[in-house]
Amino acid sequence: MKQMQLEMKQPELSHFQRIGGADKIRRLVNRFYQLMDELPESYGLRKMHAEDLQGSEDKLFKFLNGWMGGPDLYVQEYGHPMLRRRHMPFKVDVSARDQWLMCMDMALKEVVEDMPLRAELSEAFAKVGDHMRNQPN
């Protein structure tokens, strides 16, 4: 009798695992906010934020942890993200979306070595960014 070999499918790693966990997400978020704060091209986006970026930085870090498949720190502290609703007080137009994506793509290139992961995250951020728009073209 032949023994049947069962193929064991390897569990797919989450983006959280692939990026390198919370420390790497913290580096990504830190770099994103540094770029947003420094680049003249992101001036419009920067004006939407408080002078001290620490609160925004902390929230994005906590959100990305859960969004990428790690501990859901944001939900534990603030409840459901309701991203679009939470951003309604701000005029998120094509320019704001593009400035945000520019800074995030630059941060991804500097922090995330895994090119397929970088591309996946960039594509996902673009979809979220487009969803966040609340102003006409």
Protein backbone atom coordinates (compact mmCIF):
# COMPACT_ATOMS: atom_id res chain seq x y z
CA MET A 1 0.00 0.00 0.00
CA LYS A 2 1.19 3.44 -0.85
CA GLN A 3 1.23 6.02 1.82
CA MET A 4 -0.49 9.23 0.91
CA GLN A 5 1.50 12.29 1.63
CA LEU A 6 -0.53 15.23 2.75
CA GLU A 7 0.82 18.55 1.71
CA MET A 8 0.94 20.92 4.58
CA LYS A 9 0.28 24.42 3.37
CA GLN A 10 2.53 26.91 5.08
CA PRO A 11 0.58 29.63 6.83
CA GLU A 12 0.85 32.92 5.02
CA LEU A 13 2.79 35.53 6.94
CA SER A 14 1.00 38.76 7.78
CA HIS A 15 2.32 42.11 6.64
CA PHE A 16 3.15 42.71 10.31
CA GLN A 17 5.41 39.65 10.33
CA ARG A 18 6.88 40.37 6.92
CA ILE A 19 7.80 43.97 7.74
CA GLY A 20 9.56 42.91 10.94
CA GLY A 21 7.01 43.72 13.64
CA ALA A 22 6.28 46.79 15.72
CA ASP A 23 9.83 48.17 15.73
CA LYS A 24 9.90 48.34 11.95
CA ILE A 25 6.43 49.89 11.80
CA ARG A 26 7.60 52.51 14.32
CA ARG A 27 10.56 53.30 12.03
CA LEU A 28 8.25 53.59 9.02
CA VAL A 29 5.88 55.94 10.84
CA ASN A 30 8.73 58.04 12.25
CA ARG A 31 10.23 58.46 8.80
CA PHE A 32 6.84 59.25 7.25
CA TYR A 33 6.26 62.11 9.69
CA GLN A 34 9.83 63.39 9.32
CA LEU A 35 9.33 63.60 5.57
CA MET A 36 5.92 65.22 5.89
CA ASP A 37 7.41 67.78 8.28
CA GLU A 38 10.46 68.56 6.13
CA LEU A 39 9.41 68.40 2.49
CA PRO A 40 8.10 71.60 0.92
CA GLU A 41 5.96 69.43 -1.39
CA SER A 42 3.96 68.22 1.62
CA TYR A 43 3.30 71.67 3.11
CA GLY A 44 -0.47 71.47 2.54
CA LEU A 45 -0.68 68.14 4.31
CA ARG A 46 1.55 69.34 7.15
CA LYS A 47 -0.75 72.32 7.78
CA MET A 48 -3.60 69.90 8.55
CA HIS A 49 -1.70 68.55 11.55
CA ALA A 50 -0.96 69.96 14.98
CA GLU A 51 2.39 71.63 15.50
CA ASP A 52 3.47 68.67 17.64
CA LEU A 53 3.18 65.54 15.50
CA GLN A 54 3.63 63.06 18.36
CA GLY A 55 -0.10 62.39 18.79
CA SER A 56 -0.61 61.73 15.09
CA GLU A 57 2.51 59.62 14.95
CA ASP A 58 1.38 57.50 17.88
CA LYS A 59 -2.09 56.95 16.40
CA LEU A 60 -0.74 55.96 12.98
CA PHE A 61 1.71 53.57 14.60
CA LYS A 62 -1.06 51.91 16.61
CA PHE A 63 -3.37 51.77 13.62
CA LEU A 64 -0.76 50.24 11.29
CA ASN A 65 0.09 47.56 13.84
CA GLY A 66 -3.42 46.15 13.64
CA TRP A 67 -3.97 46.96 9.95
CA MET A 68 -0.88 44.92 9.07
CA GLY A 69 -1.99 41.94 11.19
CA GLY A 70 -0.28 42.59 14.50
CA PRO A 71 -1.71 43.64 17.85
CA ASP A 72 -4.75 45.86 17.39
CA LEU A 73 -3.42 48.67 19.56
CA TYR A 74 -5.53 51.39 17.97
CA VAL A 75 -8.82 49.52 18.45
CA GLN A 76 -7.91 48.66 22.04
CA GLU A 77 -7.40 52.34 22.87
CA TYR A 78 -9.77 54.23 20.55
CA GLY A 79 -12.30 51.73 19.22
CA HIS A 80 -13.04 51.09 15.55
CA PRO A 81 -10.83 53.28 13.34
CA MET A 82 -13.64 54.70 11.16
CA LEU A 83 -10.87 56.31 9.12
CA ARG A 84 -13.00 58.26 6.69
CA ARG A 85 -15.30 59.56 9.42
CA ARG A 86 -12.39 60.60 11.64
CA HIS A 87 -10.85 62.54 8.74
CA MET A 88 -14.06 64.35 7.70
CA PRO A 89 -13.13 67.57 9.56
CA PHE A 90 -10.14 67.86 7.20
CA LYS A 91 -10.32 68.73 3.52
CA VAL A 92 -8.84 65.60 1.98
CA ASP A 93 -8.59 66.30 -1.72
CA VAL A 94 -6.45 64.82 -4.48
CA SER A 95 -3.52 67.02 -3.48
CA ALA A 96 -3.65 65.98 0.20
CA ARG A 97 -3.96 62.32 -0.81
CA ASP A 98 -1.02 62.62 -3.18
CA GLN A 99 1.14 64.39 -0.60
CA TRP A 100 0.38 61.67 1.96
CA LEU A 101 1.18 58.92 -0.53
CA MET A 102 4.39 60.65 -1.63
CA CYS A 103 5.68 60.77 1.95
CA MET A 104 4.58 57.20 2.68
CA ASP A 105 6.12 55.83 -0.53
CA MET A 106 9.40 57.58 0.29
CA ALA A 107 9.34 56.17 3.82
CA LEU A 108 8.54 52.68 2.49
CA LYS A 109 11.52 52.85 0.12
CA GLU A 110 13.84 53.82 2.95
CA VAL A 111 12.56 51.41 5.62
CA VAL A 112 11.15 48.31 3.90
CA GLU A 113 13.78 46.19 2.15
CA ASP A 114 11.33 43.52 0.92
CA MET A 115 10.35 44.87 -2.51
CA PRO A 116 7.20 42.74 -2.98
CA LEU A 117 5.98 43.79 0.47
CA ARG A 118 6.79 47.42 -0.27
CA ALA A 119 4.73 47.20 -3.49
CA GLU A 120 1.81 45.52 -1.69
CA LEU A 121 1.76 48.14 1.04
CA SER A 122 2.06 51.00 -1.44
CA GLU A 123 -0.89 49.66 -3.42
CA ALA A 124 -2.97 49.18 -0.27
CA PHE A 125 -2.11 52.70 0.97
CA ALA A 126 -3.15 54.13 -2.41
CA LYS A 127 -6.57 52.46 -2.10
CA VAL A 128 -7.04 53.74 1.44
CA GLY A 129 -5.84 57.19 0.41
CA ASP A 130 -8.32 57.34 -2.41
CA HIS A 131 -11.10 56.22 -0.08
CA MET A 132 -10.22 59.01 2.34
CA ARG A 133 -10.91 61.78 -0.18
CA ASN A 134 -13.86 63.90 0.88
CA GLN A 135 -13.47 66.77 -1.56
CA PRO A 136 -14.19 66.81 -5.30
CA ASN A 137 -11.31 66.88 -7.77
